[in-house]
Amino acid sequence: MLRLQRYYILLIVLVIFFLTKPATTFADIGSGPISCTRSGSANNINSLNFGVVDPLSSPATTSATLNYECKGSEGHDSTARICYTFGPLNSNHPYYELLGPSNSLLAFNLFSDPNFTQPITDDEPLQLVLTGSNSTTMTGSITVYAQTVAGQPQLIPGNYTLQNQVFMTVNSTEGRSAPANCIAVDSSASTYEFPYNSKASVNAHCAVTTTGALDLGRVTATTTPILGSASNLINVTCTNETSYNIGLAPSMYNGVVNNNGVGVLRGTRDNVDVVRYQLQSNGGGAVWGNNGNTYATLTNGVIGQGNGAAQSHTVYVTVPNTDVKPDSYSDIVTINVNY
């Protein structure tokens, strides 16, 4: 009997894909013994972010990291000087500017040191020296430091941004003596331009100072009302276009704070006799109090709008009765600025 057998051949074909990282090309920046690449994450800069800037306070600072990746030529030592400049600079000012609301400009400077003493300019760029041999790949980073220019109270609250460029120049030579600068006598030095962003935000800020006290001086005991005032007693400085509302709150008396500007002057000898007074915002007797804790809810305060400069306010007072024991009487008034 003839038997037919069927054979099943199972063939599993394994297809192997080799995933390789693309080779880095070193010829983009600099055509001398050392060249640098601009591919991937090499030779870029992260954003300069100042965060929240208070133009009425100390300058804000930040920093950013520039990454580099370079390679030496085969068979011998080589050295490169790499320079970074930032631009374009404003033609009228020696600093850089972030653009904000209503074309408001926030100025800042760039430095090559964390103490902010070495400004970066075209003549004094941010720079480093690299030495390599036998096709050595050199990677690393260098830091640029930034600081806002002091004294910019004119800034309008809002977001500020700048899109700018970094210019990277590579000048290399054979041996271990670095070129003195990034200006080559031949065509071996080349410059690469890549972008970076800067940003900051300005919040509304106000600062308040006083020039002394509202002093009525020596008065005679009488039941006739006494009027007094102190010119430019309160000075308020707010960021540009910031609306503010000033409230005045006399000290607590008998456990109660009067929100309508009524307070008492206490003597130094005892707490029996007190001198009542009324705070006012003008010579016509308008009450100056503190009946709200926001700009909108404070209805018996004094309003203004900041322009970056100190704005002065005069305080008036009426004392209805001074028929008390001879003594020195005083009180402390709290100034509340809502904005």
C-alpha atoms as a PDB file:
ATOM      1  CA  MET A   1       0.000   0.000   0.000  1.00  0.00           C
ATOM      2  CA  LEU A   2       1.328   3.342  -0.942  1.00  0.00           C
ATOM      3  CA  ARG A   3       0.973   5.879   1.751  1.00  0.00           C
ATOM      4  CA  LEU A   4       1.108   9.537   1.001  1.00  0.00           C
ATOM      5  CA  GLN A   5       2.386  11.692   3.724  1.00  0.00           C
ATOM      6  CA  ARG A   6       2.029  15.382   3.807  1.00  0.00           C
ATOM      7  CA  TYR A   7       4.703  17.382   5.472  1.00  0.00           C
ATOM      8  CA  TYR A   8       4.053  20.849   6.743  1.00  0.00           C
ATOM      9  CA  ILE A   9       7.106  23.026   6.921  1.00  0.00           C
ATOM     10  CA  LEU A  10       6.723  26.012   9.158  1.00  0.00           C
ATOM     11  CA  LEU A  11       9.162  28.768   8.373  1.00  0.00           C
ATOM     12  CA  ILE A  12       9.424  31.725  10.628  1.00  0.00           C
ATOM     13  CA  VAL A  13      11.253  34.531   9.008  1.00  0.00           C
ATOM     14  CA  LEU A  14      12.829  36.964  11.405  1.00  0.00           C
ATOM     15  CA  VAL A  15      13.239  40.409   9.984  1.00  0.00           C
ATOM     16  CA  ILE A  16      15.625  42.486  12.018  1.00  0.00           C
ATOM     17  CA  PHE A  17      15.629  46.219  11.723  1.00  0.00           C
ATOM     18  CA  PHE A  18      18.727  47.977  12.875  1.00  0.00           C
ATOM     19  CA  LEU A  19      17.864  51.350  14.318  1.00  0.00           C
ATOM     20  CA  THR A  20      20.822  53.628  14.269  1.00  0.00           C
ATOM     21  CA  LYS A  21      21.271  57.169  15.410  1.00  0.00           C
ATOM     22  CA  PRO A  22      22.038  59.492  12.533  1.00  0.00           C
ATOM     23  CA  ALA A  23      25.635  60.551  12.505  1.00  0.00           C
ATOM     24  CA  THR A  24      26.313  64.069  13.689  1.00  0.00           C
ATOM     25  CA  THR A  25      27.562  66.312  10.960  1.00  0.00           C
ATOM     26  CA  PHE A  26      30.476  68.502  11.938  1.00  0.00           C
ATOM     27  CA  ALA A  27      30.933  71.083   9.271  1.00  0.00           C
ATOM     28  CA  ASP A  28      28.214  73.591   9.879  1.00  0.00           C
ATOM     29  CA  ILE A  29      30.015  76.085  12.103  1.00  0.00           C
ATOM     30  CA  GLY A  30      33.686  76.675  11.432  1.00  0.00           C
ATOM     31  CA  SER A  31      35.708  75.113   8.632  1.00  0.00           C
ATOM     32  CA  GLY A  32      38.982  74.952  10.538  1.00  0.00           C
ATOM     33  CA  PRO A  33      40.486  72.106  12.595  1.00  0.00           C
ATOM     34  CA  ILE A  34      37.519  72.234  14.991  1.00  0.00           C
ATOM     35  CA  SER A  35      33.954  72.441  13.736  1.00  0.00           C
ATOM     36  CA  CYS A  36      30.652  72.474  15.615  1.00  0.00           C
ATOM     37  CA  THR A  37      27.233  71.149  14.791  1.00  0.00           C
ATOM     38  CA  ARG A  38      23.839  72.761  14.906  1.00  0.00           C
ATOM     39  CA  SER A  39      21.840  69.541  14.679  1.00  0.00           C
ATOM     40  CA  GLY A  40      19.575  68.130  17.381  1.00  0.00           C
ATOM     41  CA  SER A  41      19.803  69.796  20.761  1.00  0.00           C
ATOM     42  CA  ALA A  42      23.334  71.046  20.225  1.00  0.00           C
ATOM     43  CA  ASN A  43      24.096  74.739  20.039  1.00  0.00           C
ATOM     44  CA  ASN A  44      20.845  76.121  21.333  1.00  0.00           C
ATOM     45  CA  ILE A  45      19.690  78.221  24.277  1.00  0.00           C
ATOM     46  CA  ASN A  46      16.723  77.913  26.566  1.00  0.00           C
ATOM     47  CA  SER A  47      14.510  80.905  27.297  1.00  0.00           C
ATOM     48  CA  LEU A  48      15.570  83.806  29.475  1.00  0.00           C
ATOM     49  CA  ASN A  49      12.675  83.976  31.921  1.00  0.00           C
ATOM     50  CA  PHE A  50      12.713  86.818  34.446  1.00  0.00           C
ATOM     51  CA  GLY A  51       9.451  85.692  36.024  1.00  0.00           C
ATOM     52  CA  VAL A  52       7.518  88.405  37.859  1.00  0.00           C
ATOM     53  CA  VAL A  53       9.329  91.743  37.824  1.00  0.00           C
ATOM     54  CA  ASP A  54       8.656  94.456  40.401  1.00  0.00           C
ATOM     55  CA  PRO A  55       9.812  97.710  38.751  1.00  0.00           C
ATOM     56  CA  LEU A  56       9.632  99.524  42.112  1.00  0.00           C
ATOM     57  CA  SER A  57      12.085  97.141  43.748  1.00  0.00           C
ATOM     58  CA  SER A  58      15.502  95.616  43.055  1.00  0.00           C
ATOM     59  CA  PRO A  59      16.428  94.497  39.506  1.00  0.00           C
ATOM     60  CA  ALA A  60      15.292  91.004  38.510  1.00  0.00           C
ATOM     61  CA  THR A  61      17.857  88.445  37.392  1.00  0.00           C
ATOM     62  CA  THR A  62      17.852  85.192  35.443  1.00  0.00           C
ATOM     63  CA  SER A  63      20.148  83.007  33.363  1.00  0.00           C
ATOM     64  CA  ALA A  64      20.083  80.632  30.407  1.00  0.00           C
ATOM     65  CA  THR A  65      22.286  77.765  29.249  1.00  0.00           C
ATOM     66  CA  LEU A  66      23.852  77.494  25.809  1.00  0.00           C
ATOM     67  CA  ASN A  67      24.747  73.942  24.788  1.00  0.00           C
ATOM     68  CA  TYR A  68      27.537  73.169  22.355  1.00  0.00           C
ATOM     69  CA  GLU A  69      28.824  70.094  20.504  1.00  0.00           C
ATOM     70  CA  CYS A  70      32.077  70.295  18.551  1.00  0.00           C
ATOM     71  CA  LYS A  71      34.647  67.944  17.089  1.00  0.00           C
ATOM     72  CA  GLY A  72      38.396  68.108  16.472  1.00  0.00           C
ATOM     73  CA  SER A  73      40.112  67.006  13.279  1.00  0.00           C
ATOM     74  CA  GLU A  74      41.921  63.730  12.881  1.00  0.00           C
ATOM     75  CA  GLY A  75      45.561  63.170  13.673  1.00  0.00           C
ATOM     76  CA  HIS A  76      46.550  66.303  15.548  1.00  0.00           C
ATOM     77  CA  ASP A  77      45.635  68.649  18.348  1.00  0.00           C
ATOM     78  CA  SER A  78      43.471  71.644  17.615  1.00  0.00           C
ATOM     79  CA  THR A  79      42.050  74.559  19.612  1.00  0.00           C
ATOM     80  CA  ALA A  80      39.052  76.790  19.037  1.00  0.00           C
ATOM     81  CA  ARG A  81      37.742  80.006  20.489  1.00  0.00           C
ATOM     82  CA  ILE A  82      33.949  80.096  20.421  1.00  0.00           C
ATOM     83  CA  CYS A  83      32.220  83.444  20.812  1.00  0.00           C
ATOM     84  CA  TYR A  84      28.558  84.222  21.431  1.00  0.00           C
ATOM     85  CA  THR A  85      27.031  87.627  20.781  1.00  0.00           C
ATOM     86  CA  PHE A  86      23.386  88.588  21.102  1.00  0.00           C
ATOM     87  CA  GLY A  87      21.483  90.934  18.920  1.00  0.00           C
ATOM     88  CA  PRO A  88      20.525  92.969  17.305  1.00  0.00           C
ATOM     89  CA  LEU A  89      21.205  95.674  19.870  1.00  0.00           C
ATOM     90  CA  ASN A  90      18.902  98.659  19.958  1.00  0.00           C
ATOM     91  CA  SER A  91      20.563 101.403  17.951  1.00  0.00           C
ATOM     92  CA  ASN A  92      19.908 104.066  20.592  1.00  0.00           C
ATOM     93  CA  HIS A  93      20.508 102.154  23.830  1.00  0.00           C
ATOM     94  CA  PRO A  94      23.207  99.811  25.161  1.00  0.00           C
ATOM     95  CA  TYR A  95      20.646  97.282  26.369  1.00  0.00           C
ATOM     96  CA  TYR A  96      17.971  94.872  25.186  1.00  0.00           C
ATOM     97  CA  GLU A  97      14.223  95.436  25.514  1.00  0.00           C
ATOM     98  CA  LEU A  98      11.180  93.249  26.106  1.00  0.00           C
ATOM     99  CA  LEU A  99       7.986  94.512  24.488  1.00  0.00           C
ATOM    100  CA  GLY A 100       4.899  94.789  26.678  1.00  0.00           C
ATOM    101  CA  PRO A 101       1.444  96.401  26.780  1.00  0.00           C
ATOM    102  CA  SER A 102       0.952  99.658  24.880  1.00  0.00           C
ATOM    103  CA  ASN A 103       4.505  99.344  23.507  1.00  0.00           C
ATOM    104  CA  SER A 104       5.952  99.604  26.998  1.00  0.00           C
ATOM    105  CA  LEU A 105       9.606  98.459  27.013  1.00  0.00           C
ATOM    106  CA  LEU A 106      11.373  96.545  29.778  1.00  0.00           C
ATOM    107  CA  ALA A 107      15.147  96.979  29.455  1.00  0.00           C
ATOM    108  CA  PHE A 108      17.724  94.383  30.480  1.00  0.00           C
ATOM    109  CA  ASN A 109      21.426  93.648  30.084  1.00  0.00           C
ATOM    110  CA  LEU A 110      23.355  90.439  29.419  1.00  0.00           C
ATOM    111  CA  PHE A 111      26.453  89.398  31.346  1.00  0.00           C
ATOM    112  CA  SER A 112      29.030  86.653  31.173  1.00  0.00           C
ATOM    113  CA  ASP A 113      29.411  86.345  34.967  1.00  0.00           C
ATOM    114  CA  PRO A 114      26.957  85.631  37.816  1.00  0.00           C
ATOM    115  CA  ASN A 115      27.939  88.851  39.602  1.00  0.00           C
ATOM    116  CA  PHE A 116      26.670  90.944  36.678  1.00  0.00           C
ATOM    117  CA  THR A 117      29.926  92.879  36.303  1.00  0.00           C
ATOM    118  CA  GLN A 118      30.996  91.814  32.789  1.00  0.00           C
ATOM    119  CA  PRO A 119      28.478  92.990  30.147  1.00  0.00           C
ATOM    120  CA  ILE A 120      28.281  91.067  26.886  1.00  0.00           C
ATOM    121  CA  THR A 121      28.917  93.274  23.854  1.00  0.00           C
ATOM    122  CA  ASP A 122      30.104  92.789  20.272  1.00  0.00           C
ATOM    123  CA  ASP A 123      33.611  93.640  21.453  1.00  0.00           C
ATOM    124  CA  GLU A 124      33.375  91.534  24.632  1.00  0.00           C
ATOM    125  CA  PRO A 125      31.342  88.442  23.691  1.00  0.00           C
ATOM    126  CA  LEU A 126      30.496  85.458  25.830  1.00  0.00           C
ATOM    127  CA  GLN A 127      33.254  83.002  24.954  1.00  0.00           C
ATOM    128  CA  LEU A 128      35.025  79.731  25.701  1.00  0.00           C
ATOM    129  CA  VAL A 129      38.105  77.823  24.520  1.00  0.00           C
ATOM    130  CA  LEU A 130      38.039  74.156  23.446  1.00  0.00           C
ATOM    131  CA  THR A 131      41.038  71.883  22.835  1.00  0.00           C
ATOM    132  CA  GLY A 132      40.628  68.514  21.123  1.00  0.00           C
ATOM    133  CA  SER A 133      42.671  65.809  19.446  1.00  0.00           C
ATOM    134  CA  ASN A 134      42.108  62.790  17.190  1.00  0.00           C
ATOM    135  CA  SER A 135      38.502  63.570  16.265  1.00  0.00           C
ATOM    136  CA  THR A 136      37.441  64.035  19.885  1.00  0.00           C
ATOM    137  CA  THR A 137      33.823  65.122  20.315  1.00  0.00           C
ATOM    138  CA  MET A 138      33.462  67.910  22.865  1.00  0.00           C
ATOM    139  CA  THR A 139      30.111  68.712  24.466  1.00  0.00           C
ATOM    140  CA  GLY A 140      29.202  71.053  27.265  1.00  0.00           C
ATOM    141  CA  SER A 141      27.425  74.262  28.099  1.00  0.00           C
ATOM    142  CA  ILE A 142      28.078  77.878  28.981  1.00  0.00           C
ATOM    143  CA  THR A 143      25.775  80.210  30.921  1.00  0.00           C
ATOM    144  CA  VAL A 144      24.578  83.685  30.019  1.00  0.00           C
ATOM    145  CA  TYR A 145      23.264  85.893  32.845  1.00  0.00           C
ATOM    146  CA  ALA A 146      20.642  88.625  32.532  1.00  0.00           C
ATOM    147  CA  GLN A 147      19.526  91.483  34.769  1.00  0.00           C
ATOM    148  CA  THR A 148      16.793  94.060  34.298  1.00  0.00           C
ATOM    149  CA  VAL A 149      17.821  97.706  34.306  1.00  0.00           C
ATOM    150  CA  ALA A 150      17.030  99.441  37.604  1.00  0.00           C
ATOM    151  CA  GLY A 151      14.613 102.343  37.768  1.00  0.00           C
ATOM    152  CA  GLN A 152      11.814 101.449  35.358  1.00  0.00           C
ATOM    153  CA  PRO A 153       8.701 102.575  37.268  1.00  0.00           C
ATOM    154  CA  GLN A 154       7.057 103.599  33.985  1.00  0.00           C
ATOM    155  CA  LEU A 155       6.373  99.950  33.119  1.00  0.00           C
ATOM    156  CA  ILE A 156       2.746  98.994  32.557  1.00  0.00           C
ATOM    157  CA  PRO A 157       1.594  95.730  34.211  1.00  0.00           C
ATOM    158  CA  GLY A 158       1.328  92.816  31.778  1.00  0.00           C
ATOM    159  CA  ASN A 159       3.418  90.287  29.866  1.00  0.00           C
ATOM    160  CA  TYR A 160       6.687  91.225  28.147  1.00  0.00           C
ATOM    161  CA  THR A 161       8.451  89.188  25.442  1.00  0.00           C
ATOM    162  CA  LEU A 162      11.392  89.361  23.051  1.00  0.00           C
ATOM    163  CA  GLN A 163      12.405  87.082  20.183  1.00  0.00           C
ATOM    164  CA  ASN A 164      16.091  87.574  19.569  1.00  0.00           C
ATOM    165  CA  GLN A 165      19.131  85.888  18.015  1.00  0.00           C
ATOM    166  CA  VAL A 166      22.381  84.389  19.235  1.00  0.00           C
ATOM    167  CA  PHE A 167      25.390  84.565  16.928  1.00  0.00           C
ATOM    168  CA  MET A 168      27.879  81.721  17.459  1.00  0.00           C
ATOM    169  CA  THR A 169      31.303  82.142  15.861  1.00  0.00           C
ATOM    170  CA  VAL A 170      33.928  79.384  15.777  1.00  0.00           C
ATOM    171  CA  ASN A 171      37.583  80.251  15.082  1.00  0.00           C
ATOM    172  CA  SER A 172      39.994  77.306  15.356  1.00  0.00           C
ATOM    173  CA  THR A 173      43.633  76.561  14.697  1.00  0.00           C
ATOM    174  CA  GLU A 174      46.006  73.622  14.922  1.00  0.00           C
ATOM    175  CA  GLY A 175      47.926  73.178  18.165  1.00  0.00           C
ATOM    176  CA  ARG A 176      47.025  74.117  21.696  1.00  0.00           C
ATOM    177  CA  SER A 177      47.286  77.891  21.466  1.00  0.00           C
ATOM    178  CA  ALA A 178      43.820  79.375  21.115  1.00  0.00           C
ATOM    179  CA  PRO A 179      43.150  82.220  18.683  1.00  0.00           C
ATOM    180  CA  ALA A 180      43.129  85.577  20.431  1.00  0.00           C
ATOM    181  CA  ASN A 181      39.603  86.352  19.227  1.00  0.00           C
ATOM    182  CA  CYS A 182      36.906  85.128  16.882  1.00  0.00           C
ATOM    183  CA  ILE A 183      38.072  87.174  13.921  1.00  0.00           C
ATOM    184  CA  ALA A 184      40.044  84.914  11.600  1.00  0.00           C
ATOM    185  CA  VAL A 185      42.585  86.138   9.056  1.00  0.00           C
ATOM    186  CA  ASP A 186      41.251  83.583   6.572  1.00  0.00           C
ATOM    187  CA  SER A 187      37.849  82.042   5.894  1.00  0.00           C
ATOM    188  CA  SER A 188      38.131  79.326   8.565  1.00  0.00           C
ATOM    189  CA  ALA A 189      35.880  81.162  11.034  1.00  0.00           C
ATOM    190  CA  SER A 190      32.160  81.156  10.432  1.00  0.00           C
ATOM    191  CA  THR A 191      29.092  82.366  12.294  1.00  0.00           C
ATOM    192  CA  TYR A 192      25.805  80.585  12.913  1.00  0.00           C
ATOM    193  CA  GLU A 193      22.632  82.382  13.997  1.00  0.00           C
ATOM    194  CA  PHE A 194      19.911  80.719  16.066  1.00  0.00           C
ATOM    195  CA  PRO A 195      16.922  82.177  17.937  1.00  0.00           C
ATOM    196  CA  TYR A 196      16.066  82.455  21.605  1.00  0.00           C
ATOM    197  CA  ASN A 197      13.167  83.924  23.574  1.00  0.00           C
ATOM    198  CA  SER A 198      13.066  86.214  26.599  1.00  0.00           C
ATOM    199  CA  LYS A 199      10.043  86.879  28.744  1.00  0.00           C
ATOM    200  CA  ALA A 200       8.875  88.573  31.936  1.00  0.00           C
ATOM    201  CA  SER A 201       5.669  89.675  33.563  1.00  0.00           C
ATOM    202  CA  VAL A 202       5.028  92.871  35.488  1.00  0.00           C
ATOM    203  CA  ASN A 203       2.336  92.821  38.148  1.00  0.00           C
ATOM    204  CA  ALA A 204       0.720  95.923  39.582  1.00  0.00           C
ATOM    205  CA  HIS A 205       2.745  97.230  42.525  1.00  0.00           C
ATOM    206  CA  CYS A 206       2.411 100.158  44.903  1.00  0.00           C
ATOM    207  CA  ALA A 207       4.658 101.548  47.617  1.00  0.00           C
ATOM    208  CA  VAL A 208       3.723 104.113  50.256  1.00  0.00           C
ATOM    209  CA  THR A 209       5.804 106.419  52.447  1.00  0.00           C
ATOM    210  CA  THR A 210       5.031 109.242  54.869  1.00  0.00           C
ATOM    211  CA  THR A 211       6.907 112.471  55.391  1.00  0.00           C
ATOM    212  CA  GLY A 212       6.248 112.818  59.114  1.00  0.00           C
ATOM    213  CA  ALA A 213       3.157 113.415  61.228  1.00  0.00           C
ATOM    214  CA  LEU A 214       0.072 115.591  61.240  1.00  0.00           C
ATOM    215  CA  ASP A 215       1.109 117.826  64.146  1.00  0.00           C
ATOM    216  CA  LEU A 216      -1.388 120.319  65.511  1.00  0.00           C
ATOM    217  CA  GLY A 217       1.238 121.793  67.798  1.00  0.00           C
ATOM    218  CA  ARG A 218       0.444 123.508  71.113  1.00  0.00           C
ATOM    219  CA  VAL A 219      -3.241 124.382  71.423  1.00  0.00           C
ATOM    220  CA  THR A 220      -5.409 126.098  74.016  1.00  0.00           C
ATOM    221  CA  ALA A 221      -8.093 124.131  75.837  1.00  0.00           C
ATOM    222  CA  THR A 222     -11.317 125.100  74.108  1.00  0.00           C
ATOM    223  CA  THR A 223     -14.608 123.766  72.868  1.00  0.00           C
ATOM    224  CA  THR A 224     -14.148 125.516  69.534  1.00  0.00           C
ATOM    225  CA  PRO A 225     -13.239 123.126  66.697  1.00  0.00           C
ATOM    226  CA  ILE A 226      -9.605 123.168  65.575  1.00  0.00           C
ATOM    227  CA  LEU A 227      -8.647 122.538  61.958  1.00  0.00           C
ATOM    228  CA  GLY A 228      -5.286 121.198  60.816  1.00  0.00           C
ATOM    229  CA  SER A 229      -3.549 119.637  57.858  1.00  0.00           C
ATOM    230  CA  ALA A 230      -0.246 118.160  56.714  1.00  0.00           C
ATOM    231  CA  SER A 231       0.728 118.883  53.127  1.00  0.00           C
ATOM    232  CA  ASN A 232       2.087 115.958  51.098  1.00  0.00           C
ATOM    233  CA  LEU A 233       1.950 113.726  54.165  1.00  0.00           C
ATOM    234  CA  ILE A 234       1.299 110.520  52.191  1.00  0.00           C
ATOM    235  CA  ASN A 235       3.304 109.587  49.096  1.00  0.00           C
ATOM    236  CA  VAL A 236       2.135 106.700  46.910  1.00  0.00           C
ATOM    237  CA  THR A 237       4.216 105.270  44.070  1.00  0.00           C
ATOM    238  CA  CYS A 238       2.457 102.790  41.778  1.00  0.00           C
ATOM    239  CA  THR A 239       3.299 101.139  38.499  1.00  0.00           C
ATOM    240  CA  ASN A 240       2.164 102.983  35.420  1.00  0.00           C
ATOM    241  CA  GLU A 241      -1.621 102.995  34.813  1.00  0.00           C
ATOM    242  CA  THR A 242      -2.288 101.230  38.143  1.00  0.00           C
ATOM    243  CA  SER A 243      -5.359 102.655  39.898  1.00  0.00           C
ATOM    244  CA  TYR A 244      -5.162 102.874  43.685  1.00  0.00           C
ATOM    245  CA  ASN A 245      -7.460 103.791  46.575  1.00  0.00           C
ATOM    246  CA  ILE A 246      -6.089 104.987  49.934  1.00  0.00           C
ATOM    247  CA  GLY A 247      -7.909 104.241  53.174  1.00  0.00           C
ATOM    248  CA  LEU A 248      -7.043 105.737  56.586  1.00  0.00           C
ATOM    249  CA  ALA A 249      -7.828 103.750  59.748  1.00  0.00           C
ATOM    250  CA  PRO A 250      -7.342 105.339  63.205  1.00  0.00           C
ATOM    251  CA  SER A 251      -6.367 103.117  66.119  1.00  0.00           C
ATOM    252  CA  MET A 252      -8.946 100.973  67.871  1.00  0.00           C
ATOM    253  CA  TYR A 253     -10.834 102.664  70.709  1.00  0.00           C
ATOM    254  CA  ASN A 254     -12.810 100.672  73.277  1.00  0.00           C
ATOM    255  CA  GLY A 255     -12.311  97.585  71.114  1.00  0.00           C
ATOM    256  CA  VAL A 256     -13.760  99.188  67.975  1.00  0.00           C
ATOM    257  CA  VAL A 257     -12.156 100.564  64.827  1.00  0.00           C
ATOM    258  CA  ASN A 258     -14.054 103.436  63.249  1.00  0.00           C
ATOM    259  CA  ASN A 259     -14.166 103.038  59.462  1.00  0.00           C
ATOM    260  CA  ASN A 260     -15.292 106.611  58.900  1.00  0.00           C
ATOM    261  CA  GLY A 261     -12.031 108.263  59.900  1.00  0.00           C
ATOM    262  CA  VAL A 262     -13.012 109.078  63.490  1.00  0.00           C
ATOM    263  CA  GLY A 263     -10.275 108.473  66.044  1.00  0.00           C
ATOM    264  CA  VAL A 264      -9.085 109.576  69.462  1.00  0.00           C
ATOM    265  CA  LEU A 265      -5.814 111.053  70.654  1.00  0.00           C
ATOM    266  CA  ARG A 266      -4.640 109.511  73.945  1.00  0.00           C
ATOM    267  CA  GLY A 267      -2.619 111.312  76.568  1.00  0.00           C
ATOM    268  CA  THR A 268       0.628 110.117  78.092  1.00  0.00           C
ATOM    269  CA  ARG A 269      -0.476 110.352  81.758  1.00  0.00           C
ATOM    270  CA  ASP A 270      -3.679 108.291  81.743  1.00  0.00           C
ATOM    271  CA  ASN A 271      -6.407 106.989  79.449  1.00  0.00           C
ATOM    272  CA  VAL A 272      -9.243 108.948  81.024  1.00  0.00           C
ATOM    273  CA  ASP A 273      -9.111 112.037  78.845  1.00  0.00           C
ATOM    274  CA  VAL A 274      -9.067 111.596  75.082  1.00  0.00           C
ATOM    275  CA  VAL A 275      -9.291 114.035  72.197  1.00  0.00           C
ATOM    276  CA  ARG A 276     -11.570 113.018  69.367  1.00  0.00           C
ATOM    277  CA  TYR A 277     -10.705 113.898  65.774  1.00  0.00           C
ATOM    278  CA  GLN A 278     -12.070 113.449  62.243  1.00  0.00           C
ATOM    279  CA  LEU A 279      -9.804 112.692  59.267  1.00  0.00           C
ATOM    280  CA  GLN A 280     -10.700 114.470  56.026  1.00  0.00           C
ATOM    281  CA  SER A 281      -9.494 114.421  52.433  1.00  0.00           C
ATOM    282  CA  ASN A 282      -9.924 118.133  51.752  1.00  0.00           C
ATOM    283  CA  GLY A 283     -10.520 121.455  53.454  1.00  0.00           C
ATOM    284  CA  GLY A 284     -14.240 121.154  52.806  1.00  0.00           C
ATOM    285  CA  GLY A 285     -14.677 118.387  55.378  1.00  0.00           C
ATOM    286  CA  ALA A 286     -14.960 115.290  53.143  1.00  0.00           C
ATOM    287  CA  VAL A 287     -14.585 112.192  55.325  1.00  0.00           C
ATOM    288  CA  TRP A 288     -11.447 110.134  54.787  1.00  0.00           C
ATOM    289  CA  GLY A 289     -11.952 106.650  56.203  1.00  0.00           C
ATOM    290  CA  ASN A 290     -11.433 102.971  55.524  1.00  0.00           C
ATOM    291  CA  ASN A 291     -14.840 101.343  54.981  1.00  0.00           C
ATOM    292  CA  GLY A 292     -13.611  98.695  52.480  1.00  0.00           C
ATOM    293  CA  ASN A 293     -10.642  96.426  51.927  1.00  0.00           C
ATOM    294  CA  THR A 294     -10.558  96.503  48.091  1.00  0.00           C
ATOM    295  CA  TYR A 295     -10.349  99.227  45.499  1.00  0.00           C
ATOM    296  CA  ALA A 296     -14.025  98.811  44.625  1.00  0.00           C
ATOM    297  CA  THR A 297     -15.464  98.501  48.141  1.00  0.00           C
ATOM    298  CA  LEU A 298     -13.541 101.407  49.662  1.00  0.00           C
ATOM    299  CA  THR A 299     -15.961 104.291  49.099  1.00  0.00           C
ATOM    300  CA  ASN A 300     -14.633 106.918  51.533  1.00  0.00           C
ATOM    301  CA  GLY A 301     -10.965 106.749  50.493  1.00  0.00           C
ATOM    302  CA  VAL A 302      -8.857 108.842  48.129  1.00  0.00           C
ATOM    303  CA  ILE A 303      -8.226 107.479  44.636  1.00  0.00           C
ATOM    304  CA  GLY A 304      -5.381 108.025  42.171  1.00  0.00           C
ATOM    305  CA  GLN A 305      -3.650 106.431  39.202  1.00  0.00           C
ATOM    306  CA  GLY A 306       0.017 105.497  39.207  1.00  0.00           C
ATOM    307  CA  ASN A 307       2.492 106.864  36.688  1.00  0.00           C
ATOM    308  CA  GLY A 308       5.664 105.386  38.161  1.00  0.00           C
ATOM    309  CA  ALA A 309       6.429 108.503  40.205  1.00  0.00           C
ATOM    310  CA  ALA A 310       5.579 109.349  43.805  1.00  0.00           C
ATOM    311  CA  GLN A 311       2.206 111.095  44.123  1.00  0.00           C
ATOM    312  CA  SER A 312       1.615 113.214  47.208  1.00  0.00           C
ATOM    313  CA  HIS A 313      -1.591 113.483  49.241  1.00  0.00           C
ATOM    314  CA  THR A 314      -2.471 116.020  51.941  1.00  0.00           C
ATOM    315  CA  VAL A 315      -4.358 114.904  55.074  1.00  0.00           C
ATOM    316  CA  TYR A 316      -6.815 117.223  56.850  1.00  0.00           C
ATOM    317  CA  VAL A 317      -8.200 116.884  60.360  1.00  0.00           C
ATOM    318  CA  THR A 318     -10.882 118.494  62.501  1.00  0.00           C
ATOM    319  CA  VAL A 319     -10.681 118.346  66.298  1.00  0.00           C
ATOM    320  CA  PRO A 320     -14.106 119.377  67.726  1.00  0.00           C
ATOM    321  CA  ASN A 321     -13.060 119.800  71.402  1.00  0.00           C
ATOM    322  CA  THR A 322      -9.725 120.249  73.191  1.00  0.00           C
ATOM    323  CA  ASP A 323     -11.165 121.033  76.639  1.00  0.00           C
ATOM    324  CA  VAL A 324      -9.148 118.293  78.390  1.00  0.00           C
ATOM    325  CA  LYS A 325      -6.325 118.036  80.908  1.00  0.00           C
ATOM    326  CA  PRO A 326      -3.003 119.473  79.757  1.00  0.00           C
ATOM    327  CA  ASP A 327      -0.923 116.668  78.239  1.00  0.00           C
ATOM    328  CA  SER A 328       0.559 115.431  74.973  1.00  0.00           C
ATOM    329  CA  TYR A 329      -2.053 113.540  72.949  1.00  0.00           C
ATOM    330  CA  SER A 330      -1.362 111.283  69.935  1.00  0.00           C
ATOM    331  CA  ASP A 331      -2.692 108.419  67.863  1.00  0.00           C
ATOM    332  CA  ILE A 332      -1.402 106.136  65.107  1.00  0.00           C
ATOM    333  CA  VAL A 333      -3.291 105.972  61.807  1.00  0.00           C
ATOM    334  CA  THR A 334      -2.844 103.010  59.484  1.00  0.00           C
ATOM    335  CA  ILE A 335      -2.571 103.722  55.765  1.00  0.00           C
ATOM    336  CA  ASN A 336      -4.141 101.074  53.492  1.00  0.00           C
ATOM    337  CA  VAL A 337      -3.450 101.253  49.751  1.00  0.00           C
ATOM    338  CA  ASN A 338      -5.769  99.109  47.635  1.00  0.00           C
ATOM    339  CA  TYR A 339      -4.899  98.504  43.971  1.00  0.00           C
END
